[in-house]
Amino acid sequence: MNSFSITVGRLLCGTVRDYLDKRKFLGADIEYHESRGLIYRTFTVKGDGDGFAKAFNELMMWANSVEEQP
């Protein structure tokens, strides 16, 4: 079982949650836990297979693109 964590600000956590729920709905073999926090939240995602790899790659590309915006 593979896992990764991503921490996002409170205003972006809905976007990450919606994305992970969509991946699960489409059949990805993933589960996630969302921490509770006032300023930021950490999503810990675990799973196997192509669905997990796709979720990891897409979230990392999204995080890098958000980070680069002025």
N, C-alpha and C. Protein backbone atom coordinates (compact mmCIF):
# COMPACT_ATOMS: atom_id res chain seq x y z
N MET A 1 0.85 -1.17 0.00
CA MET A 1 0.00 0.00 0.00
C MET A 1 0.90 1.24 0.00
N ASN A 2 0.65 2.15 -0.91
CA ASN A 2 1.39 3.40 -1.02
C ASN A 2 0.62 4.52 -0.34
N SER A 3 1.35 5.58 0.04
CA SER A 3 0.67 6.73 0.63
C SER A 3 1.49 7.99 0.38
N PHE A 4 0.80 9.13 0.44
CA PHE A 4 1.43 10.43 0.38
C PHE A 4 0.54 11.42 1.12
N SER A 5 1.14 12.55 1.49
CA SER A 5 0.40 13.61 2.18
C SER A 5 0.59 14.91 1.43
N ILE A 6 -0.44 15.73 1.43
CA ILE A 6 -0.38 17.06 0.84
C ILE A 6 -1.08 18.02 1.80
N THR A 7 -0.44 19.13 2.08
CA THR A 7 -0.99 20.13 2.98
C THR A 7 -1.38 21.35 2.16
N VAL A 8 -2.61 21.81 2.35
CA VAL A 8 -3.12 22.96 1.61
C VAL A 8 -3.77 23.94 2.57
N GLY A 9 -3.82 25.18 2.14
CA GLY A 9 -4.51 26.20 2.92
C GLY A 9 -6.00 25.93 2.97
N ARG A 10 -6.64 26.49 3.97
CA ARG A 10 -8.05 26.23 4.22
C ARG A 10 -8.94 26.56 3.02
N LEU A 11 -8.57 27.59 2.25
CA LEU A 11 -9.39 27.98 1.10
C LEU A 11 -9.30 26.99 -0.06
N LEU A 12 -8.26 26.16 -0.09
CA LEU A 12 -8.09 25.20 -1.18
C LEU A 12 -8.50 23.78 -0.81
N CYS A 13 -8.84 23.54 0.44
CA CYS A 13 -9.12 22.16 0.85
C CYS A 13 -10.38 21.61 0.16
N GLY A 14 -11.34 22.43 -0.15
CA GLY A 14 -12.53 21.96 -0.86
C GLY A 14 -12.19 21.44 -2.25
N THR A 15 -11.26 22.10 -2.91
CA THR A 15 -10.82 21.67 -4.24
C THR A 15 -10.16 20.30 -4.17
N VAL A 16 -9.29 20.10 -3.20
CA VAL A 16 -8.60 18.81 -3.05
C VAL A 16 -9.60 17.72 -2.67
N ARG A 17 -10.49 18.02 -1.74
CA ARG A 17 -11.50 17.04 -1.31
C ARG A 17 -12.38 16.62 -2.48
N ASP A 18 -12.85 17.60 -3.27
CA ASP A 18 -13.69 17.30 -4.43
C ASP A 18 -12.94 16.43 -5.44
N TYR A 19 -11.66 16.75 -5.66
CA TYR A 19 -10.87 15.96 -6.60
C TYR A 19 -10.74 14.51 -6.14
N LEU A 20 -10.40 14.31 -4.86
CA LEU A 20 -10.23 12.95 -4.34
C LEU A 20 -11.55 12.18 -4.36
N ASP A 21 -12.65 12.84 -4.04
CA ASP A 21 -13.95 12.19 -4.11
C ASP A 21 -14.29 11.78 -5.54
N LYS A 22 -13.94 12.64 -6.50
CA LYS A 22 -14.18 12.32 -7.91
C LYS A 22 -13.37 11.11 -8.34
N ARG A 23 -12.09 11.04 -7.93
CA ARG A 23 -11.25 9.90 -8.28
C ARG A 23 -11.84 8.61 -7.70
N LYS A 24 -12.31 8.67 -6.45
CA LYS A 24 -12.92 7.48 -5.84
C LYS A 24 -14.18 7.07 -6.59
N PHE A 25 -15.00 8.05 -6.97
CA PHE A 25 -16.24 7.77 -7.69
C PHE A 25 -15.94 7.11 -9.03
N LEU A 26 -14.85 7.52 -9.67
CA LEU A 26 -14.48 6.96 -10.96
C LEU A 26 -13.77 5.61 -10.84
N GLY A 27 -13.61 5.11 -9.62
CA GLY A 27 -13.10 3.76 -9.43
C GLY A 27 -11.68 3.64 -8.96
N ALA A 28 -11.03 4.74 -8.64
CA ALA A 28 -9.64 4.66 -8.15
C ALA A 28 -9.62 3.96 -6.80
N ASP A 29 -8.64 3.10 -6.61
CA ASP A 29 -8.49 2.35 -5.36
C ASP A 29 -7.70 3.22 -4.37
N ILE A 30 -8.37 4.27 -3.85
CA ILE A 30 -7.72 5.18 -2.90
C ILE A 30 -8.65 5.43 -1.72
N GLU A 31 -8.04 5.79 -0.61
CA GLU A 31 -8.75 6.27 0.57
C GLU A 31 -7.98 7.49 1.05
N TYR A 32 -8.66 8.41 1.71
CA TYR A 32 -7.95 9.57 2.22
C TYR A 32 -8.50 9.99 3.58
N HIS A 33 -7.64 10.67 4.31
CA HIS A 33 -8.01 11.24 5.60
C HIS A 33 -7.68 12.72 5.54
N GLU A 34 -8.60 13.55 5.98
CA GLU A 34 -8.41 15.00 6.01
C GLU A 34 -8.27 15.44 7.46
N SER A 35 -7.14 16.06 7.78
CA SER A 35 -6.96 16.56 9.15
C SER A 35 -7.83 17.79 9.34
N ARG A 36 -8.02 18.18 10.56
CA ARG A 36 -8.80 19.38 10.87
C ARG A 36 -7.86 20.49 11.29
N GLY A 37 -8.08 21.66 10.75
CA GLY A 37 -7.25 22.79 11.11
C GLY A 37 -7.90 24.09 10.70
N LEU A 38 -7.57 25.14 11.38
CA LEU A 38 -8.16 26.45 11.10
C LEU A 38 -7.46 27.12 9.92
N ILE A 39 -6.15 26.99 9.81
CA ILE A 39 -5.37 27.67 8.78
C ILE A 39 -5.09 26.77 7.59
N TYR A 40 -4.75 25.52 7.84
CA TYR A 40 -4.44 24.58 6.77
C TYR A 40 -4.91 23.19 7.16
N ARG A 41 -4.97 22.31 6.16
CA ARG A 41 -5.35 20.92 6.37
C ARG A 41 -4.41 20.01 5.59
N THR A 42 -4.18 18.85 6.15
CA THR A 42 -3.33 17.85 5.50
C THR A 42 -4.19 16.69 5.06
N PHE A 43 -4.04 16.32 3.80
CA PHE A 43 -4.73 15.16 3.25
C PHE A 43 -3.70 14.05 3.14
N THR A 44 -3.99 12.91 3.75
CA THR A 44 -3.15 11.72 3.63
C THR A 44 -3.92 10.74 2.76
N VAL A 45 -3.31 10.36 1.66
CA VAL A 45 -3.96 9.50 0.67
C VAL A 45 -3.20 8.18 0.62
N LYS A 46 -3.95 7.08 0.62
CA LYS A 46 -3.31 5.77 0.47
C LYS A 46 -4.07 4.96 -0.56
N GLY A 47 -3.34 4.05 -1.21
CA GLY A 47 -3.97 3.22 -2.22
C GLY A 47 -2.95 2.45 -3.02
N ASP A 48 -3.42 1.82 -4.06
CA ASP A 48 -2.59 1.00 -4.94
C ASP A 48 -3.01 1.21 -6.39
N GLY A 49 -2.14 0.83 -7.28
CA GLY A 49 -2.47 0.76 -8.69
C GLY A 49 -2.43 2.08 -9.43
N ASP A 50 -2.99 2.02 -10.64
CA ASP A 50 -2.99 3.17 -11.53
C ASP A 50 -3.80 4.34 -10.99
N GLY A 51 -4.90 4.06 -10.31
CA GLY A 51 -5.73 5.13 -9.75
C GLY A 51 -4.97 5.94 -8.72
N PHE A 52 -4.19 5.26 -7.89
CA PHE A 52 -3.38 5.97 -6.89
C PHE A 52 -2.30 6.79 -7.58
N ALA A 53 -1.61 6.19 -8.55
CA ALA A 53 -0.54 6.89 -9.26
C ALA A 53 -1.09 8.12 -9.98
N LYS A 54 -2.25 8.00 -10.59
CA LYS A 54 -2.85 9.13 -11.30
C LYS A 54 -3.22 10.24 -10.32
N ALA A 55 -3.81 9.89 -9.19
CA ALA A 55 -4.17 10.89 -8.19
C ALA A 55 -2.92 11.61 -7.68
N PHE A 56 -1.86 10.85 -7.40
CA PHE A 56 -0.62 11.45 -6.92
C PHE A 56 -0.04 12.41 -7.96
N ASN A 57 0.09 11.95 -9.19
CA ASN A 57 0.69 12.78 -10.24
C ASN A 57 -0.13 14.04 -10.50
N GLU A 58 -1.44 13.91 -10.59
CA GLU A 58 -2.28 15.08 -10.87
C GLU A 58 -2.28 16.07 -9.72
N LEU A 59 -2.31 15.59 -8.48
CA LEU A 59 -2.26 16.52 -7.35
C LEU A 59 -0.91 17.23 -7.26
N MET A 60 0.18 16.53 -7.56
CA MET A 60 1.49 17.17 -7.53
C MET A 60 1.62 18.22 -8.63
N MET A 61 1.11 17.93 -9.83
CA MET A 61 1.14 18.91 -10.91
C MET A 61 0.28 20.13 -10.55
N TRP A 62 -0.89 19.89 -9.96
CA TRP A 62 -1.77 20.98 -9.53
C TRP A 62 -1.08 21.82 -8.46
N ALA A 63 -0.48 21.18 -7.47
CA ALA A 63 0.19 21.90 -6.39
C ALA A 63 1.33 22.76 -6.93
N ASN A 64 2.09 22.23 -7.88
CA ASN A 64 3.18 23.01 -8.48
C ASN A 64 2.65 24.19 -9.27
N SER A 65 1.53 24.02 -9.96
CA SER A 65 0.98 25.13 -10.75
C SER A 65 0.40 26.21 -9.83
N VAL A 66 -0.20 25.84 -8.73
CA VAL A 66 -0.73 26.81 -7.77
C VAL A 66 0.41 27.57 -7.12
N GLU A 67 1.49 26.87 -6.83
CA GLU A 67 2.65 27.46 -6.18
C GLU A 67 3.33 28.49 -7.06
N GLU A 68 3.30 28.31 -8.39
CA GLU A 68 4.00 29.19 -9.31
C GLU A 68 3.24 30.46 -9.64
N GLN A 69 1.94 30.52 -9.37
CA GLN A 69 1.15 31.70 -9.72
C GLN A 69 1.53 32.87 -8.82
N PRO A 70 1.59 34.08 -9.43
CA PRO A 70 1.98 35.26 -8.62
C PRO A 70 0.92 35.67 -7.62
